[in-house]
Each structure stands twice: as C-alpha cells, then as structure tokens.
PDB file of all heavy atoms in Angstrom:
ATOM      1  N   ALA A   1    -164.385   1.971  62.696  1.00  0.00           N
ATOM      2  CA  ALA A   1    -163.548   2.144  63.883  1.00  0.00           C
ATOM      3  C   ALA A   1    -162.425   3.133  63.609  1.00  0.00           C
ATOM      4  O   ALA A   1    -162.121   3.989  64.442  1.00  0.00           O
ATOM      5  CB  ALA A   1    -162.989   0.801  64.334  1.00  0.00           C
ATOM      6  N   ALA A   2    -161.811   3.030  62.441  1.00  0.00           N
ATOM      7  CA  ALA A   2    -160.731   3.958  62.104  1.00  0.00           C
ATOM      8  C   ALA A   2    -161.269   5.370  61.953  1.00  0.00           C
ATOM      9  O   ALA A   2    -160.642   6.335  62.400  1.00  0.00           O
ATOM     10  CB  ALA A   2    -160.036   3.512  60.819  1.00  0.00           C
ATOM     11  N   GLU A   3    -162.439   5.499  61.314  1.00  0.00           N
ATOM     12  CA  GLU A   3    -163.040   6.813  61.154  1.00  0.00           C
ATOM     13  C   GLU A   3    -163.427   7.392  62.517  1.00  0.00           C
ATOM     14  O   GLU A   3    -163.222   8.583  62.769  1.00  0.00           O
ATOM     15  CB  GLU A   3    -164.267   6.726  60.248  1.00  0.00           C
ATOM     16  CG  GLU A   3    -164.863   8.069  59.916  1.00  0.00           C
ATOM     17  CD  GLU A   3    -166.012   7.958  58.922  1.00  0.00           C
ATOM     18  OE1 GLU A   3    -166.450   6.844  58.588  1.00  0.00           O
ATOM     19  OE2 GLU A   3    -166.475   9.009  58.481  1.00  0.00           O
ATOM     20  N   ALA A   4    -163.938   6.556  63.401  1.00  0.00           N
ATOM     21  CA  ALA A   4    -164.297   7.016  64.739  1.00  0.00           C
ATOM     22  C   ALA A   4    -163.052   7.427  65.516  1.00  0.00           C
ATOM     23  O   ALA A   4    -163.065   8.438  66.234  1.00  0.00           O
ATOM     24  CB  ALA A   4    -165.050   5.921  65.489  1.00  0.00           C
ATOM     25  N   ALA A   5    -161.973   6.673  65.367  1.00  0.00           N
ATOM     26  CA  ALA A   5    -160.717   7.029  66.045  1.00  0.00           C
ATOM     27  C   ALA A   5    -160.173   8.339  65.508  1.00  0.00           C
ATOM     28  O   ALA A   5    -159.688   9.183  66.276  1.00  0.00           O
ATOM     29  CB  ALA A   5    -159.693   5.917  65.870  1.00  0.00           C
ATOM     30  N   PHE A   6    -160.263   8.528  64.186  1.00  0.00           N
ATOM     31  CA  PHE A   6    -159.802   9.780  63.581  1.00  0.00           C
ATOM     32  C   PHE A   6    -160.645  10.947  64.076  1.00  0.00           C
ATOM     33  O   PHE A   6    -160.120  12.003  64.425  1.00  0.00           O
ATOM     34  CB  PHE A   6    -159.872   9.668  62.055  1.00  0.00           C
ATOM     35  CG  PHE A   6    -159.434  10.915  61.346  1.00  0.00           C
ATOM     36  CD1 PHE A   6    -158.091  11.227  61.267  1.00  0.00           C
ATOM     37  CD2 PHE A   6    -160.352  11.764  60.767  1.00  0.00           C
ATOM     38  CE1 PHE A   6    -157.675  12.364  60.620  1.00  0.00           C
ATOM     39  CE2 PHE A   6    -159.948  12.907  60.117  1.00  0.00           C
ATOM     40  CZ  PHE A   6    -158.606  13.208  60.034  1.00  0.00           C
ATOM     41  N   ALA A   7    -161.960  10.774  64.117  1.00  0.00           N
ATOM     42  CA  ALA A   7    -162.848  11.834  64.596  1.00  0.00           C
ATOM     43  C   ALA A   7    -162.594  12.125  66.068  1.00  0.00           C
ATOM     44  O   ALA A   7    -162.597  13.286  66.490  1.00  0.00           O
ATOM     45  CB  ALA A   7    -164.308  11.438  64.371  1.00  0.00           C
ATOM     46  N   ALA A   8    -162.354  11.081  66.859  1.00  0.00           N
ATOM     47  CA  ALA A   8    -162.075  11.279  68.282  1.00  0.00           C
ATOM     48  C   ALA A   8    -160.766  12.024  68.481  1.00  0.00           C
ATOM     49  O   ALA A   8    -160.676  12.928  69.324  1.00  0.00           O
ATOM     50  CB  ALA A   8    -162.025   9.931  69.007  1.00  0.00           C
ATOM     51  N   ALA A   9    -159.757  11.662  67.693  1.00  0.00           N
ATOM     52  CA  ALA A   9    -158.467  12.352  67.804  1.00  0.00           C
ATOM     53  C   ALA A   9    -158.602  13.815  67.393  1.00  0.00           C
ATOM     54  O   ALA A   9    -158.070  14.709  68.052  1.00  0.00           O
ATOM     55  CB  ALA A   9    -157.415  11.654  66.954  1.00  0.00           C
ATOM     56  N   GLN A  10    -159.347  14.056  66.318  1.00  0.00           N
ATOM     57  CA  GLN A  10    -159.537  15.433  65.854  1.00  0.00           C
ATOM     58  C   GLN A  10    -160.337  16.231  66.884  1.00  0.00           C
ATOM     59  O   GLN A  10    -160.033  17.387  67.150  1.00  0.00           O
ATOM     60  CB  GLN A  10    -160.257  15.431  64.509  1.00  0.00           C
ATOM     61  CG  GLN A  10    -160.352  16.797  63.880  1.00  0.00           C
ATOM     62  CD  GLN A  10    -160.928  16.740  62.476  1.00  0.00           C
ATOM     63  OE1 GLN A  10    -161.492  15.731  62.073  1.00  0.00           O
ATOM     64  NE2 GLN A  10    -160.796  17.813  61.742  1.00  0.00           N
ATOM     65  N   LYS A  11    -161.344  15.606  67.482  1.00  0.00           N
ATOM     66  CA  LYS A  11    -162.138  16.279  68.512  1.00  0.00           C
ATOM     67  C   LYS A  11    -161.271  16.608  69.715  1.00  0.00           C
ATOM     68  O   LYS A  11    -161.386  17.691  70.282  1.00  0.00           O
ATOM     69  CB  LYS A  11    -163.310  15.389  68.928  1.00  0.00           C
ATOM     70  CG  LYS A  11    -164.233  16.044  69.933  1.00  0.00           C
ATOM     71  CD  LYS A  11    -165.406  15.148  70.255  1.00  0.00           C
ATOM     72  CE  LYS A  11    -166.309  15.804  71.283  1.00  0.00           C
ATOM     73  NZ  LYS A  11    -167.436  14.959  71.630  1.00  0.00           N
ATOM     74  N   GLN A  12    -160.379  15.677  70.098  1.00  0.00           N
ATOM     75  CA  GLN A  12    -159.488  15.930  71.231  1.00  0.00           C
ATOM     76  C   GLN A  12    -158.554  17.096  70.929  1.00  0.00           C
ATOM     77  O   GLN A  12    -158.301  17.926  71.797  1.00  0.00           O
ATOM     78  CB  GLN A  12    -158.679  14.683  71.574  1.00  0.00           C
ATOM     79  CG  GLN A  12    -159.484  13.641  72.286  1.00  0.00           C
ATOM     80  CD  GLN A  12    -158.649  12.433  72.653  1.00  0.00           C
ATOM     81  OE1 GLN A  12    -157.527  12.284  72.223  1.00  0.00           O
ATOM     82  NE2 GLN A  12    -159.227  11.563  73.464  1.00  0.00           N
ATOM     83  N   PHE A  13    -158.076  17.177  69.702  1.00  0.00           N
ATOM     84  CA  PHE A  13    -157.203  18.294  69.345  1.00  0.00           C
ATOM     85  C   PHE A  13    -157.975  19.612  69.383  1.00  0.00           C
ATOM     86  O   PHE A  13    -157.448  20.635  69.834  1.00  0.00           O
ATOM     87  CB  PHE A  13    -156.584  18.082  67.973  1.00  0.00           C
ATOM     88  CG  PHE A  13    -155.567  16.983  67.937  1.00  0.00           C
ATOM     89  CD1 PHE A  13    -155.599  16.035  66.940  1.00  0.00           C
ATOM     90  CD2 PHE A  13    -154.576  16.897  68.902  1.00  0.00           C
ATOM     91  CE1 PHE A  13    -154.667  15.009  66.898  1.00  0.00           C
ATOM     92  CE2 PHE A  13    -153.642  15.886  68.874  1.00  0.00           C
ATOM     93  CZ  PHE A  13    -153.693  14.932  67.869  1.00  0.00           C
ATOM     94  N   ASP A  14    -159.215  19.608  68.906  1.00  0.00           N
ATOM     95  CA  ASP A  14    -160.033  20.820  68.935  1.00  0.00           C
ATOM     96  C   ASP A  14    -160.328  21.255  70.363  1.00  0.00           C
ATOM     97  O   ASP A  14    -160.257  22.439  70.691  1.00  0.00           O
ATOM     98  CB  ASP A  14    -161.347  20.606  68.175  1.00  0.00           C
ATOM     99  CG  ASP A  14    -161.132  20.434  66.680  1.00  0.00           C
ATOM    100  OD1 ASP A  14    -160.043  20.811  66.185  1.00  0.00           O
ATOM    101  OD2 ASP A  14    -162.037  19.910  66.013  1.00  0.00           O
ATOM    102  N   ILE A  15    -160.663  20.299  71.210  1.00  0.00           N
ATOM    103  CA  ILE A  15    -160.955  20.615  72.607  1.00  0.00           C
ATOM    104  C   ILE A  15    -159.713  21.161  73.290  1.00  0.00           C
ATOM    105  O   ILE A  15    -159.775  22.143  74.038  1.00  0.00           O
ATOM    106  CB  ILE A  15    -161.496  19.367  73.349  1.00  0.00           C
ATOM    107  CG1 ILE A  15    -162.898  19.022  72.832  1.00  0.00           C
ATOM    108  CG2 ILE A  15    -161.526  19.600  74.851  1.00  0.00           C
ATOM    109  CD1 ILE A  15    -163.433  17.695  73.340  1.00  0.00           C
ATOM    110  N   ALA A  16    -158.569  20.557  73.015  1.00  0.00           N
ATOM    111  CA  ALA A  16    -157.319  21.017  73.630  1.00  0.00           C
ATOM    112  C   ALA A  16    -156.995  22.441  73.191  1.00  0.00           C
ATOM    113  O   ALA A  16    -156.519  23.245  73.994  1.00  0.00           O
ATOM    114  CB  ALA A  16    -156.174  20.078  73.270  1.00  0.00           C
ATOM    115  N   ALA A  17    -157.275  22.746  71.942  1.00  0.00           N
ATOM    116  CA  ALA A  17    -156.982  24.084  71.450  1.00  0.00           C
ATOM    117  C   ALA A  17    -157.939  25.116  72.050  1.00  0.00           C
ATOM    118  O   ALA A  17    -157.545  26.241  72.350  1.00  0.00           O
ATOM    119  CB  ALA A  17    -157.081  24.112  69.926  1.00  0.00           C
ATOM    120  N   GLN A  18    -159.184  24.738  72.255  1.00  0.00           N
ATOM    121  CA  GLN A  18    -160.181  25.681  72.750  1.00  0.00           C
ATOM    122  C   GLN A  18    -160.090  25.876  74.258  1.00  0.00           C
ATOM    123  O   GLN A  18    -160.153  26.995  74.757  1.00  0.00           O
ATOM    124  CB  GLN A  18    -161.584  25.210  72.383  1.00  0.00           C
ATOM    125  CG  GLN A  18    -161.863  25.279  70.897  1.00  0.00           C
ATOM    126  CD  GLN A  18    -163.212  24.670  70.550  1.00  0.00           C
ATOM    127  OE1 GLN A  18    -163.924  24.184  71.403  1.00  0.00           O
ATOM    128  NE2 GLN A  18    -163.563  24.708  69.284  1.00  0.00           N
ATOM    129  N   GLU A  19    -159.963  24.816  74.996  1.00  0.00           N
ATOM    130  CA  GLU A  19    -160.052  24.909  76.447  1.00  0.00           C
ATOM    131  C   GLU A  19    -158.705  24.878  77.148  1.00  0.00           C
ATOM    132  O   GLU A  19    -158.600  25.254  78.305  1.00  0.00           O
ATOM    133  CB  GLU A  19    -160.913  23.758  76.985  1.00  0.00           C
ATOM    134  CG  GLU A  19    -162.338  23.791  76.490  1.00  0.00           C
ATOM    135  CD  GLU A  19    -163.128  22.606  76.985  1.00  0.00           C
ATOM    136  OE1 GLU A  19    -162.582  21.775  77.720  1.00  0.00           O
ATOM    137  OE2 GLU A  19    -164.309  22.504  76.619  1.00  0.00           O
ATOM    138  N   ASN A  20    -157.679  24.385  76.464  1.00  0.00           N
ATOM    139  CA  ASN A  20    -156.344  24.243  77.043  1.00  0.00           C
ATOM    140  C   ASN A  20    -156.356  23.403  78.319  1.00  0.00           C
ATOM    141  O   ASN A  20    -155.539  23.607  79.208  1.00  0.00           O
ATOM    142  CB  ASN A  20    -155.699  25.605  77.326  1.00  0.00           C
ATOM    143  CG  ASN A  20    -155.355  26.335  76.059  1.00  0.00           C
ATOM    144  OD1 ASN A  20    -155.045  25.712  75.044  1.00  0.00           O
ATOM    145  ND2 ASN A  20    -155.409  27.649  76.101  1.00  0.00           N
ATOM    146  N   THR A  21    -157.290  22.479  78.439  1.00  0.00           N
ATOM    147  CA  THR A  21    -157.342  21.626  79.616  1.00  0.00           C
ATOM    148  C   THR A  21    -156.797  20.234  79.326  1.00  0.00           C
ATOM    149  O   THR A  21    -156.460  19.512  80.249  1.00  0.00           O
ATOM    150  CB  THR A  21    -158.787  21.486  80.134  1.00  0.00           C
ATOM    151  OG1 THR A  21    -159.602  20.956  79.100  1.00  0.00           O
ATOM    152  CG2 THR A  21    -159.321  22.823  80.598  1.00  0.00           C
ATOM    153  N   GLU A  22    -156.741  19.866  78.052  1.00  0.00           N
ATOM    154  CA  GLU A  22    -156.199  18.565  77.692  1.00  0.00           C
ATOM    155  C   GLU A  22    -154.679  18.638  77.781  1.00  0.00           C
ATOM    156  O   GLU A  22    -154.070  19.596  77.348  1.00  0.00           O
ATOM    157  CB  GLU A  22    -156.619  18.186  76.263  1.00  0.00           C
ATOM    158  CG  GLU A  22    -158.085  17.923  76.094  1.00  0.00           C
ATOM    159  CD  GLU A  22    -158.520  16.622  76.728  1.00  0.00           C
ATOM    160  OE1 GLU A  22    -157.731  15.668  76.767  1.00  0.00           O
ATOM    161  OE2 GLU A  22    -159.664  16.583  77.198  1.00  0.00           O
ATOM    162  N   ASP A  23    -154.080  17.618  78.319  1.00  0.00           N
ATOM    163  CA  ASP A  23    -152.633  17.597  78.374  1.00  0.00           C
ATOM    164  C   ASP A  23    -152.075  16.736  77.247  1.00  0.00           C
ATOM    165  O   ASP A  23    -152.796  16.017  76.563  1.00  0.00           O
ATOM    166  CB  ASP A  23    -152.130  17.118  79.731  1.00  0.00           C
ATOM    167  CG  ASP A  23    -152.682  15.745  80.104  1.00  0.00           C
ATOM    168  OD1 ASP A  23    -153.575  15.259  79.394  1.00  0.00           O
ATOM    169  OD2 ASP A  23    -152.219  15.183  81.098  1.00  0.00           O
ATOM    170  N   PHE A  24    -150.789  16.837  77.052  1.00  0.00           N
ATOM    171  CA  PHE A  24    -150.133  16.138  75.948  1.00  0.00           C
ATOM    172  C   PHE A  24    -150.266  14.638  76.066  1.00  0.00           C
ATOM    173  O   PHE A  24    -150.415  13.940  75.068  1.00  0.00           O
ATOM    174  CB  PHE A  24    -148.656  16.538  75.892  1.00  0.00           C
ATOM    175  CG  PHE A  24    -147.905  15.848  74.804  1.00  0.00           C
ATOM    176  CD1 PHE A  24    -148.061  16.215  73.482  1.00  0.00           C
ATOM    177  CD2 PHE A  24    -147.046  14.809  75.106  1.00  0.00           C
ATOM    178  CE1 PHE A  24    -147.379  15.566  72.475  1.00  0.00           C
ATOM    179  CE2 PHE A  24    -146.354  14.149  74.102  1.00  0.00           C
ATOM    180  CZ  PHE A  24    -146.523  14.533  72.784  1.00  0.00           C
ATOM    181  N   GLU A  25    -150.239  14.120  77.269  1.00  0.00           N
ATOM    182  CA  GLU A  25    -150.296  12.673  77.464  1.00  0.00           C
ATOM    183  C   GLU A  25    -151.602  12.085  76.930  1.00  0.00           C
ATOM    184  O   GLU A  25    -151.595  11.020  76.312  1.00  0.00           O
ATOM    185  CB  GLU A  25    -150.141  12.322  78.940  1.00  0.00           C
ATOM    186  CG  GLU A  25    -150.116  10.834  79.195  1.00  0.00           C
ATOM    187  CD  GLU A  25    -149.944  10.490  80.666  1.00  0.00           C
ATOM    188  OE1 GLU A  25    -149.906  11.404  81.493  1.00  0.00           O
ATOM    189  OE2 GLU A  25    -149.850   9.299  80.952  1.00  0.00           O
ATOM    190  N   THR A  26    -152.703  12.758  77.130  1.00  0.00           N
ATOM    191  CA  THR A  26    -153.996  12.269  76.652  1.00  0.00           C
ATOM    192  C   THR A  26    -154.015  12.195  75.128  1.00  0.00           C
ATOM    193  O   THR A  26    -154.457  11.199  74.552  1.00  0.00           O
ATOM    194  CB  THR A  26    -155.123  13.188  77.143  1.00  0.00           C
ATOM    195  OG1 THR A  26    -155.068  13.268  78.557  1.00  0.00           O
ATOM    196  CG2 THR A  26    -156.476  12.664  76.711  1.00  0.00           C
ATOM    197  N   VAL A  27    -153.525  13.239  74.491  1.00  0.00           N
ATOM    198  CA  VAL A  27    -153.489  13.264  73.033  1.00  0.00           C
ATOM    199  C   VAL A  27    -152.522  12.196  72.518  1.00  0.00           C
ATOM    200  O   VAL A  27    -152.818  11.480  71.563  1.00  0.00           O
ATOM    201  CB  VAL A  27    -153.091  14.666  72.530  1.00  0.00           C
ATOM    202  CG1 VAL A  27    -152.928  14.682  71.019  1.00  0.00           C
ATOM    203  CG2 VAL A  27    -154.130  15.691  72.958  1.00  0.00           C
ATOM    204  N   PHE A  28    -151.382  12.073  73.179  1.00  0.00           N
ATOM    205  CA  PHE A  28    -150.399  11.075  72.772  1.00  0.00           C
ATOM    206  C   PHE A  28    -150.954   9.664  72.927  1.00  0.00           C
ATOM    207  O   PHE A  28    -150.759   8.820  72.046  1.00  0.00           O
ATOM    208  CB  PHE A  28    -149.113  11.232  73.590  1.00  0.00           C
ATOM    209  CG  PHE A  28    -148.063  10.228  73.244  1.00  0.00           C
ATOM    210  CD1 PHE A  28    -147.359  10.334  72.057  1.00  0.00           C
ATOM    211  CD2 PHE A  28    -147.788   9.178  74.097  1.00  0.00           C
ATOM    212  CE1 PHE A  28    -146.391   9.405  71.724  1.00  0.00           C
ATOM    213  CE2 PHE A  28    -146.832   8.244  73.776  1.00  0.00           C
ATOM    214  CZ  PHE A  28    -146.122   8.356  72.586  1.00  0.00           C
ATOM    215  N   GLN A  29    -151.638   9.397  74.022  1.00  0.00           N
ATOM    216  CA  GLN A  29    -152.217   8.070  74.241  1.00  0.00           C
ATOM    217  C   GLN A  29    -153.282   7.755  73.197  1.00  0.00           C
ATOM    218  O   GLN A  29    -153.410   6.604  72.749  1.00  0.00           O
ATOM    219  CB  GLN A  29    -152.792   7.951  75.658  1.00  0.00           C
ATOM    220  CG  GLN A  29    -151.740   7.936  76.748  1.00  0.00           C
ATOM    221  CD  GLN A  29    -150.778   6.769  76.621  1.00  0.00           C
ATOM    222  OE1 GLN A  29    -151.126   5.700  76.143  1.00  0.00           O
ATOM    223  NE2 GLN A  29    -149.555   6.988  77.053  1.00  0.00           N
ATOM    224  N   SER A  30    -154.047   8.749  72.795  1.00  0.00           N
ATOM    225  CA  SER A  30    -155.052   8.558  71.753  1.00  0.00           C
ATOM    226  C   SER A  30    -154.388   8.198  70.428  1.00  0.00           C
ATOM    227  O   SER A  30    -154.821   7.276  69.728  1.00  0.00           O
ATOM    228  CB  SER A  30    -155.892   9.817  71.604  1.00  0.00           C
ATOM    229  OG  SER A  30    -156.782   9.693  70.530  1.00  0.00           O
ATOM    230  N   ALA A  31    -153.339   8.929  70.083  1.00  0.00           N
ATOM    231  CA  ALA A  31    -152.619   8.649  68.840  1.00  0.00           C
ATOM    232  C   ALA A  31    -151.943   7.284  68.909  1.00  0.00           C
ATOM    233  O   ALA A  31    -151.939   6.528  67.927  1.00  0.00           O
ATOM    234  CB  ALA A  31    -151.595   9.740  68.578  1.00  0.00           C
ATOM    235  N   LEU A  32    -151.371   6.951  70.047  1.00  0.00           N
ATOM    236  CA  LEU A  32    -150.726   5.658  70.219  1.00  0.00           C
ATOM    237  C   LEU A  32    -151.746   4.518  70.105  1.00  0.00           C
ATOM    238  O   LEU A  32    -151.459   3.473  69.516  1.00  0.00           O
ATOM    239  CB  LEU A  32    -150.013   5.591  71.566  1.00  0.00           C
ATOM    240  CG  LEU A  32    -149.133   4.387  71.820  1.00  0.00           C
ATOM    241  CD1 LEU A  32    -148.020   4.308  70.788  1.00  0.00           C
ATOM    242  CD2 LEU A  32    -148.556   4.449  73.215  1.00  0.00           C
ATOM    243  N   GLY A  33    -152.935   4.732  70.646  1.00  0.00           N
ATOM    244  CA  GLY A  33    -154.003   3.735  70.519  1.00  0.00           C
ATOM    245  C   GLY A  33    -154.390   3.518  69.064  1.00  0.00           C
ATOM    246  O   GLY A  33    -154.642   2.376  68.644  1.00  0.00           O
ATOM    247  N   MET A  34    -154.435   4.597  68.289  1.00  0.00           N
ATOM    248  CA  MET A  34    -154.773   4.473  66.879  1.00  0.00           C
ATOM    249  C   MET A  34    -153.676   3.713  66.138  1.00  0.00           C
ATOM    250  O   MET A  34    -153.964   2.875  65.283  1.00  0.00           O
ATOM    251  CB  MET A  34    -154.980   5.850  66.252  1.00  0.00           C
ATOM    252  CG  MET A  34    -155.490   5.779  64.847  1.00  0.00           C
ATOM    253  SD  MET A  34    -156.075   7.334  64.140  1.00  0.00           S
ATOM    254  CE  MET A  34    -154.810   8.465  64.579  1.00  0.00           C
ATOM    255  N   VAL A  35    -152.419   3.966  66.474  1.00  0.00           N
ATOM    256  CA  VAL A  35    -151.313   3.240  65.847  1.00  0.00           C
ATOM    257  C   VAL A  35    -151.381   1.759  66.213  1.00  0.00           C
ATOM    258  O   VAL A  35    -151.190   0.883  65.355  1.00  0.00           O
ATOM    259  CB  VAL A  35    -149.952   3.850  66.256  1.00  0.00           C
ATOM    260  CG1 VAL A  35    -148.799   2.959  65.831  1.00  0.00           C
ATOM    261  CG2 VAL A  35    -149.803   5.248  65.661  1.00  0.00           C
ATOM    262  N   ASN A  36    -151.671   1.459  67.462  1.00  0.00           N
ATOM    263  CA  ASN A  36    -151.794   0.060  67.890  1.00  0.00           C
ATOM    264  C   ASN A  36    -152.941  -0.647  67.182  1.00  0.00           C
ATOM    265  O   ASN A  36    -152.829  -1.815  66.799  1.00  0.00           O
ATOM    266  CB  ASN A  36    -151.963  -0.029  69.406  1.00  0.00           C
ATOM    267  CG  ASN A  36    -150.690   0.311  70.138  1.00  0.00           C
ATOM    268  OD1 ASN A  36    -149.594   0.190  69.599  1.00  0.00           O
ATOM    269  ND2 ASN A  36    -150.823   0.766  71.372  1.00  0.00           N
ATOM    270  N   GLU A  37    -154.060   0.046  67.018  1.00  0.00           N
ATOM    271  CA  GLU A  37    -155.200  -0.543  66.313  1.00  0.00           C
ATOM    272  C   GLU A  37    -154.852  -0.804  64.846  1.00  0.00           C
ATOM    273  O   GLU A  37    -155.198  -1.850  64.298  1.00  0.00           O
ATOM    274  CB  GLU A  37    -156.415   0.386  66.395  1.00  0.00           C
ATOM    275  CG  GLU A  37    -157.640  -0.188  65.735  1.00  0.00           C
ATOM    276  CD  GLU A  37    -158.843   0.724  65.812  1.00  0.00           C
ATOM    277  OE1 GLU A  37    -158.795   1.728  66.541  1.00  0.00           O
ATOM    278  OE2 GLU A  37    -159.832   0.423  65.128  1.00  0.00           O
ATOM    279  N   THR A  38    -154.125   0.126  64.233  1.00  0.00           N
ATOM    280  CA  THR A  38    -153.682  -0.066  62.851  1.00  0.00           C
ATOM    281  C   THR A  38    -152.764  -1.266  62.755  1.00  0.00           C
ATOM    282  O   THR A  38    -152.886  -2.086  61.837  1.00  0.00           O
ATOM    283  CB  THR A  38    -152.957   1.196  62.349  1.00  0.00           C
ATOM    284  OG1 THR A  38    -153.862   2.297  62.400  1.00  0.00           O
ATOM    285  CG2 THR A  38    -152.472   1.022  60.924  1.00  0.00           C
ATOM    286  N   ASN A  39    -151.866  -1.406  63.710  1.00  0.00           N
ATOM    287  CA  ASN A  39    -150.955  -2.551  63.725  1.00  0.00           C
ATOM    288  C   ASN A  39    -151.721  -3.861  63.886  1.00  0.00           C
ATOM    289  O   ASN A  39    -151.420  -4.854  63.208  1.00  0.00           O
ATOM    290  CB  ASN A  39    -149.926  -2.384  64.845  1.00  0.00           C
ATOM    291  CG  ASN A  39    -148.843  -3.430  64.784  1.00  0.00           C
ATOM    292  OD1 ASN A  39    -148.414  -3.816  63.706  1.00  0.00           O
ATOM    293  ND2 ASN A  39    -148.404  -3.879  65.947  1.00  0.00           N
ATOM    294  N   ASP A  40    -152.708  -3.880  64.771  1.00  0.00           N
ATOM    295  CA  ASP A  40    -153.519  -5.083  64.972  1.00  0.00           C
ATOM    296  C   ASP A  40    -154.265  -5.471  63.692  1.00  0.00           C
ATOM    297  O   ASP A  40    -154.336  -6.658  63.335  1.00  0.00           O
ATOM    298  CB  ASP A  40    -154.511  -4.888  66.111  1.00  0.00           C
ATOM    299  CG  ASP A  40    -153.847  -4.799  67.464  1.00  0.00           C
ATOM    300  OD1 ASP A  40    -152.670  -5.215  67.584  1.00  0.00           O
ATOM    301  OD2 ASP A  40    -154.498  -4.294  68.404  1.00  0.00           O
ATOM    302  N   LEU A  41    -154.829  -4.477  63.008  1.00  0.00           N
ATOM    303  CA  LEU A  41    -155.550  -4.760  61.765  1.00  0.00           C
ATOM    304  C   LEU A  41    -154.600  -5.279  60.689  1.00  0.00           C
ATOM    305  O   LEU A  41    -154.954  -6.174  59.915  1.00  0.00           O
ATOM    306  CB  LEU A  41    -156.286  -3.514  61.279  1.00  0.00           C
ATOM    307  CG  LEU A  41    -157.501  -3.116  62.102  1.00  0.00           C
ATOM    308  CD1 LEU A  41    -158.029  -1.752  61.670  1.00  0.00           C
ATOM    309  CD2 LEU A  41    -158.592  -4.164  61.992  1.00  0.00           C
ATOM    310  N   HIS A  42    -153.391  -4.721  60.644  1.00  0.00           N
ATOM    311  CA  HIS A  42    -152.400  -5.206  59.679  1.00  0.00           C
ATOM    312  C   HIS A  42    -152.009  -6.652  59.984  1.00  0.00           C
ATOM    313  O   HIS A  42    -151.886  -7.475  59.071  1.00  0.00           O
ATOM    314  CB  HIS A  42    -151.160  -4.306  59.701  1.00  0.00           C
ATOM    315  CG  HIS A  42    -150.073  -4.776  58.791  1.00  0.00           C
ATOM    316  ND1 HIS A  42    -150.162  -4.696  57.425  1.00  0.00           N
ATOM    317  CD2 HIS A  42    -148.888  -5.357  59.052  1.00  0.00           C
ATOM    318  CE1 HIS A  42    -149.070  -5.208  56.886  1.00  0.00           C
ATOM    319  NE2 HIS A  42    -148.282  -5.611  57.863  1.00  0.00           N
ATOM    320  N   ASN A  43    -151.817  -6.959  61.256  1.00  0.00           N
ATOM    321  CA  ASN A  43    -151.483  -8.333  61.651  1.00  0.00           C
ATOM    322  C   ASN A  43    -152.615  -9.296  61.322  1.00  0.00           C
ATOM    323  O   ASN A  43    -152.373 -10.436  60.892  1.00  0.00           O
ATOM    324  CB  ASN A  43    -151.141  -8.402  63.141  1.00  0.00           C
ATOM    325  CG  ASN A  43    -149.825  -7.733  63.457  1.00  0.00           C
ATOM    326  OD1 ASN A  43    -148.980  -7.541  62.587  1.00  0.00           O
ATOM    327  ND2 ASN A  43    -149.649  -7.347  64.710  1.00  0.00           N
ATOM    328  N   ASP A  44    -153.861  -8.872  61.525  1.00  0.00           N
ATOM    329  CA  ASP A  44    -155.018  -9.716  61.172  1.00  0.00           C
ATOM    330  C   ASP A  44    -155.060  -9.991  59.665  1.00  0.00           C
ATOM    331  O   ASP A  44    -155.347 -11.114  59.243  1.00  0.00           O
ATOM    332  CB  ASP A  44    -156.321  -9.050  61.607  1.00  0.00           C
ATOM    333  CG  ASP A  44    -156.482  -8.999  63.115  1.00  0.00           C
ATOM    334  OD1 ASP A  44    -155.737  -9.715  63.822  1.00  0.00           O
ATOM    335  OD2 ASP A  44    -157.347  -8.217  63.590  1.00  0.00           O
TER     336      ASP A  44
END
C-alpha cells in the first residue's frame, strides 16, 4: 500500500509536470492521504 501510494504520488507529479492540468490541491490531498495512512499504521 505504501509503495502504491508512493508510485501514485510520483505518477501524479509526473502528470502535473507534463500536462499542467493537475492542480495543487490534488497533489496536496494525495500527500495528505499518504501522511494519514502512515499515521494510521503507526497507531496500529
């Protein structure tokens, strides 16, 4: 799951750089989701 989240975040950054259609909020929400998942795993 962490590797998939990392790959998804990296893919989103690549897409944003190539197409300039991704906005900051989408990338931020993806990163925030990864931080939340890390926090949940730490709590578990």
